[in-house]
Amino acid sequence: MRPTSDRVRESLFNILSVAWEGKEVLDLFAGTGGLGIEAISRGACRVVFIENNPNAIHVLEKNIAALNLSSCCEVLKCMVEKGIPQVGKAGRIFDVIFLDPPYSGGLADTSLRLIGSSDILAERGVVVVEHHCKEVLSERYQKLSMRDQRMYGKTGISFFVSEPLT
């Protein structure tokens, strides 16, 4: 596991400057849940975590229980490629999606394609992607447009906004 550093997490939440009250959040490749739990602490009403690593799931569930967040958190134990269509079929729509895949294997690109072709992100919703600084992401994935990109050492953070296709 490669948890988001405190510096990067603080920076991305400062850049987002979202009014978190009532927001629905999806945390993909959730790991131990740091990003989603931070969103809850800032006022998000619900977070769905998708993770398939049994060790990470164990720690994630312990973190949720220890913080007494079970009523506002849901953990889907599956691969992100299966989880995105699953939440889509359930009609779930999220205001913010965190995407923090392993740095190798092109999972950021694959996941952005899945999100961009689905209806799980609210109009004007935001996808925050943590990726290796050398990984090149497209400017657009169907209805997702890159709005900002920052680099912190070897970590890149890219922000995509959902827009109607024209």
Protein backbone atom coordinates (compact mmCIF):
# COMPACT_ATOMS: atom_id res chain seq x y z
CA MET A 1 0.00 0.00 0.00
CA ARG A 2 1.10 3.54 -0.77
CA PRO A 3 -0.97 5.91 1.36
CA THR A 4 -1.37 9.50 0.24
CA SER A 5 1.16 11.64 2.06
CA ASP A 6 -0.14 14.23 4.53
CA ARG A 7 1.29 17.03 2.38
CA VAL A 8 -0.43 15.79 -0.78
CA ARG A 9 -3.73 15.13 1.04
CA GLU A 10 -3.74 18.62 2.59
CA SER A 11 -2.93 20.19 -0.77
CA LEU A 12 -5.64 18.34 -2.67
CA PHE A 13 -8.32 19.21 -0.11
CA ASN A 14 -7.22 22.86 -0.19
CA ILE A 15 -7.38 22.89 -3.98
CA LEU A 16 -10.79 21.22 -4.03
CA SER A 17 -12.34 23.79 -1.69
CA VAL A 18 -15.63 21.90 -1.92
CA ALA A 19 -18.51 22.67 0.42
CA TRP A 20 -18.54 19.09 1.73
CA GLU A 21 -21.90 19.16 3.55
CA GLY A 22 -24.21 16.58 2.00
CA LYS A 23 -21.71 15.37 -0.61
CA GLU A 24 -21.60 11.76 -1.77
CA VAL A 25 -18.03 10.48 -2.25
CA LEU A 26 -16.58 7.45 -4.01
CA ASP A 27 -13.07 6.37 -2.96
CA LEU A 28 -11.56 4.02 -5.57
CA PHE A 29 -8.51 1.92 -4.74
CA ALA A 30 -9.37 3.09 -1.22
CA GLY A 31 -6.54 1.38 0.65
CA THR A 32 -6.96 2.22 4.32
CA GLY A 33 -9.55 4.91 3.53
CA GLY A 34 -7.60 8.09 4.28
CA LEU A 35 -9.13 10.23 1.53
CA GLY A 36 -12.73 9.14 2.08
CA ILE A 37 -12.44 9.45 5.86
CA GLU A 38 -11.00 12.95 5.46
CA ALA A 39 -14.03 13.86 3.30
CA ILE A 40 -16.36 12.59 6.06
CA SER A 41 -14.47 14.64 8.64
CA ARG A 42 -15.10 17.72 6.47
CA GLY A 43 -18.85 17.07 6.25
CA ALA A 44 -19.48 14.61 3.40
CA CYS A 45 -22.63 12.63 4.17
CA ARG A 46 -21.60 9.28 2.67
CA VAL A 47 -18.54 7.52 1.29
CA VAL A 48 -18.43 4.32 -0.72
CA PHE A 49 -14.98 2.71 -0.64
CA ILE A 50 -13.94 0.22 -3.32
CA GLU A 51 -10.94 -1.96 -2.50
CA ASN A 52 -9.96 -5.53 -3.34
CA ASN A 53 -6.82 -6.07 -1.23
CA PRO A 54 -7.82 -8.16 1.82
CA ASN A 55 -5.15 -6.58 4.06
CA ALA A 56 -6.24 -3.05 3.11
CA ILE A 57 -9.92 -3.97 3.57
CA HIS A 58 -9.17 -5.27 7.07
CA VAL A 59 -7.47 -1.98 8.05
CA LEU A 60 -10.14 0.09 6.31
CA GLU A 61 -12.95 -1.65 8.19
CA LYS A 62 -11.06 -1.24 11.48
CA ASN A 63 -10.60 2.48 10.76
CA ILE A 64 -14.29 2.93 9.99
CA ALA A 65 -15.29 1.08 13.17
CA ALA A 66 -12.74 2.90 15.36
CA LEU A 67 -14.05 6.26 14.14
CA ASN A 68 -17.68 5.16 14.53
CA LEU A 69 -18.42 5.86 10.85
CA SER A 70 -20.28 2.69 9.92
CA SER A 71 -23.55 4.54 9.35
CA CYS A 72 -22.05 6.76 6.63
CA CYS A 73 -19.54 4.38 5.01
CA GLU A 74 -19.92 1.40 2.73
CA VAL A 75 -17.09 -0.91 1.64
CA LEU A 76 -17.35 -2.78 -1.66
CA LYS A 77 -14.82 -5.61 -1.74
CA CYS A 78 -14.07 -5.93 -5.43
CA MET A 79 -11.87 -4.74 -8.27
CA VAL A 80 -12.54 -1.16 -9.33
CA GLU A 81 -13.37 -2.39 -12.88
CA LYS A 82 -16.32 -4.30 -11.37
CA GLY A 83 -17.19 -1.74 -8.70
CA ILE A 84 -17.77 1.19 -11.06
CA PRO A 85 -20.43 -0.66 -13.10
CA GLN A 86 -21.90 -2.04 -9.86
CA VAL A 87 -22.52 1.41 -8.34
CA GLY A 88 -23.75 2.60 -11.74
CA LYS A 89 -26.35 -0.18 -11.96
CA ALA A 90 -27.48 0.75 -8.44
CA GLY A 91 -28.10 4.31 -9.68
CA ARG A 92 -25.52 5.87 -7.36
CA ILE A 93 -24.28 9.35 -8.25
CA PHE A 94 -21.24 10.90 -6.58
CA ASP A 95 -20.15 14.51 -6.20
CA VAL A 96 -16.48 13.66 -5.71
CA ILE A 97 -14.53 10.58 -6.78
CA PHE A 98 -11.05 9.89 -5.44
CA LEU A 99 -8.94 7.70 -7.67
CA ASP A 100 -5.63 6.51 -6.19
CA PRO A 101 -4.55 3.40 -8.11
CA PRO A 102 -1.18 1.67 -7.94
CA TYR A 103 1.27 3.69 -10.01
CA SER A 104 1.99 0.97 -12.56
CA GLY A 105 -0.32 -0.75 -14.99
CA GLY A 106 -2.28 2.16 -16.48
CA LEU A 107 -5.10 1.83 -13.95
CA ALA A 108 -5.69 5.59 -13.74
CA ASP A 109 -6.36 5.78 -17.48
CA THR A 110 -8.56 2.66 -17.46
CA SER A 111 -10.56 3.89 -14.46
CA LEU A 112 -11.03 7.38 -15.96
CA ARG A 113 -12.39 5.78 -19.13
CA LEU A 114 -14.89 3.78 -17.07
CA ILE A 115 -15.97 6.81 -15.04
CA GLY A 116 -16.20 9.02 -18.15
CA SER A 117 -18.49 6.57 -19.91
CA SER A 118 -20.72 5.98 -16.87
CA ASP A 119 -23.37 8.05 -15.13
CA ILE A 120 -21.89 7.81 -11.62
CA LEU A 121 -20.50 11.36 -11.42
CA ALA A 122 -22.83 14.28 -10.85
CA GLU A 123 -22.82 17.11 -13.37
CA ARG A 124 -19.98 19.42 -12.31
CA GLY A 125 -18.72 16.59 -10.09
CA VAL A 126 -14.97 16.23 -9.61
CA VAL A 127 -12.62 13.27 -10.04
CA VAL A 128 -9.31 13.65 -8.18
CA VAL A 129 -6.60 11.34 -9.53
CA GLU A 130 -3.36 10.61 -7.72
CA HIS A 131 -0.75 9.23 -10.11
CA HIS A 132 2.97 9.03 -10.76
CA CYS A 133 4.36 12.35 -11.99
CA LYS A 134 5.56 10.73 -15.24
CA GLU A 135 2.19 9.17 -16.05
CA VAL A 136 0.51 11.13 -18.82
CA LEU A 137 -3.27 11.37 -18.64
CA SER A 138 -5.52 12.55 -21.45
CA GLU A 139 -7.09 15.99 -21.23
CA ARG A 140 -10.53 14.42 -21.78
CA TYR A 141 -12.26 11.12 -21.02
CA GLN A 142 -15.71 11.31 -22.61
CA LYS A 143 -17.52 13.81 -20.34
CA LEU A 144 -14.53 14.34 -18.02
CA SER A 145 -12.27 17.33 -18.71
CA MET A 146 -8.98 17.97 -16.92
CA ARG A 147 -9.16 21.29 -15.08
CA ASP A 148 -5.93 21.29 -13.08
CA GLN A 149 -2.80 19.25 -12.50
CA ARG A 150 -0.19 19.65 -9.75
CA MET A 151 3.06 17.84 -9.00
CA TYR A 152 4.45 17.03 -5.55
CA GLY A 153 7.76 15.21 -5.90
CA LYS A 154 6.96 11.92 -7.64
CA THR A 155 3.22 12.35 -7.10
CA GLY A 156 0.87 14.00 -9.57
CA ILE A 157 -2.65 15.12 -8.73
CA SER A 158 -5.05 15.71 -11.63
CA PHE A 159 -8.53 17.18 -11.30
CA PHE A 160 -11.27 16.31 -13.79
CA VAL A 161 -14.72 17.90 -13.94
CA SER A 162 -17.84 16.31 -15.40
CA GLU A 163 -19.31 18.30 -18.26
CA PRO A 164 -22.09 17.50 -20.71
CA LEU A 165 -20.80 16.33 -24.08
CA THR A 166 -21.40 18.86 -26.84
